[in-house]
């Protein structure tokens, strides 16, 4: 069973409903995601990534093989010129 961009986004949105999430994949095997969430404030990059991995559950045991991940607070996103809409 493969995962799609929509599957990844739904999993993340359900666990982090307040987050702004962008997911892309050229092949439904290798994914990249940008997750912007107020709850990341004060957390290390590792802790933020743990939050995202927890949201994806056991997907890494099967259909999800690679995920490039950027985790930001809203202020960090603004600094990078990411428009949250």
Protein backbone atom coordinates (compact mmCIF):
# COMPACT_ATOMS: atom_id res chain seq x y z
CA UNK A 1 0.00 0.00 0.00
CA UNK A 2 1.44 3.35 -1.00
CA UNK A 3 0.92 6.67 0.70
CA UNK A 4 -0.03 9.77 -1.21
CA UNK A 5 0.61 13.42 -0.48
CA UNK A 6 -3.00 13.64 0.74
CA UNK A 7 -2.49 10.68 3.11
CA UNK A 8 0.58 12.26 4.69
CA UNK A 9 -1.11 15.65 4.98
CA UNK A 10 -4.25 14.13 6.55
CA UNK A 11 -2.18 12.27 9.14
CA UNK A 12 -0.26 15.40 10.05
CA UNK A 13 -3.35 17.63 10.08
CA UNK A 14 -5.25 15.25 12.35
CA UNK A 15 -2.42 15.24 14.92
CA UNK A 16 -1.45 18.90 14.52
CA UNK A 17 -4.74 20.64 13.58
CA UNK A 18 -3.36 24.12 14.28
CA UNK A 19 -0.38 23.63 11.95
CA UNK A 20 0.16 24.95 8.44
CA UNK A 21 1.37 21.99 6.42
CA UNK A 22 2.76 21.64 2.91
CA UNK A 23 3.60 18.18 1.58
CA UNK A 24 5.13 17.36 -1.79
CA UNK A 25 6.25 14.17 -3.51
CA UNK A 26 7.46 13.48 -7.02
CA UNK A 27 6.72 9.75 -6.77
CA UNK A 28 4.62 8.92 -3.66
CA UNK A 29 7.74 7.31 -2.15
CA UNK A 30 9.98 10.28 -1.35
CA UNK A 31 8.18 13.08 0.45
CA UNK A 32 9.07 16.51 1.70
CA UNK A 33 7.05 18.43 4.24
CA UNK A 34 7.09 21.87 5.77
CA UNK A 35 5.21 22.02 9.06
CA UNK A 36 4.68 25.38 10.75
CA UNK A 37 3.20 25.16 14.21
CA UNK A 38 2.99 27.44 17.23
CA UNK A 39 3.51 24.43 19.52
CA UNK A 40 7.07 24.10 18.15
CA UNK A 41 8.03 27.28 20.03
CA UNK A 42 10.82 26.49 22.48
CA UNK A 43 11.33 22.95 21.18
CA UNK A 44 14.51 21.64 19.64
CA UNK A 45 14.52 20.49 16.03
CA UNK A 46 14.69 16.88 17.26
CA UNK A 47 11.62 17.36 19.49
CA UNK A 48 9.71 18.96 16.62
CA UNK A 49 10.58 16.07 14.34
CA UNK A 50 9.45 13.60 17.01
CA UNK A 51 6.07 15.36 17.07
CA UNK A 52 5.75 14.94 13.31
CA UNK A 53 6.91 11.32 13.33
CA UNK A 54 4.41 10.54 16.09
CA UNK A 55 1.67 12.02 13.90
CA UNK A 56 2.61 9.62 11.12
CA UNK A 57 2.41 6.61 13.42
CA UNK A 58 3.66 3.39 11.88
CA UNK A 59 3.74 4.73 8.32
CA UNK A 60 7.54 4.41 8.32
CA UNK A 61 7.15 0.67 8.92
CA UNK A 62 5.50 0.30 5.53
CA UNK A 63 4.34 2.73 2.90
CA UNK A 64 6.42 5.80 3.81
CA UNK A 65 10.08 5.42 2.91
CA UNK A 66 11.60 8.90 2.97
CA UNK A 67 10.53 12.23 4.43
CA UNK A 68 12.50 15.44 4.19
CA UNK A 69 11.22 17.61 7.00
CA UNK A 70 11.31 21.30 7.83
CA UNK A 71 9.68 22.30 11.11
CA UNK A 72 9.21 25.97 11.94
CA UNK A 73 7.39 28.28 14.28
CA UNK A 74 5.20 30.93 12.64
CA UNK A 75 7.86 33.57 13.39
CA UNK A 76 10.55 31.46 11.71
CA UNK A 77 8.30 30.91 8.70
CA UNK A 78 7.77 34.65 8.41
CA UNK A 79 11.54 35.24 8.56
CA UNK A 80 11.95 32.81 5.65
CA UNK A 81 9.24 34.53 3.64
CA UNK A 82 6.81 31.62 3.82
CA UNK A 83 3.28 32.88 3.42
CA UNK A 84 0.93 30.88 5.61
CA UNK A 85 -2.34 30.75 3.74
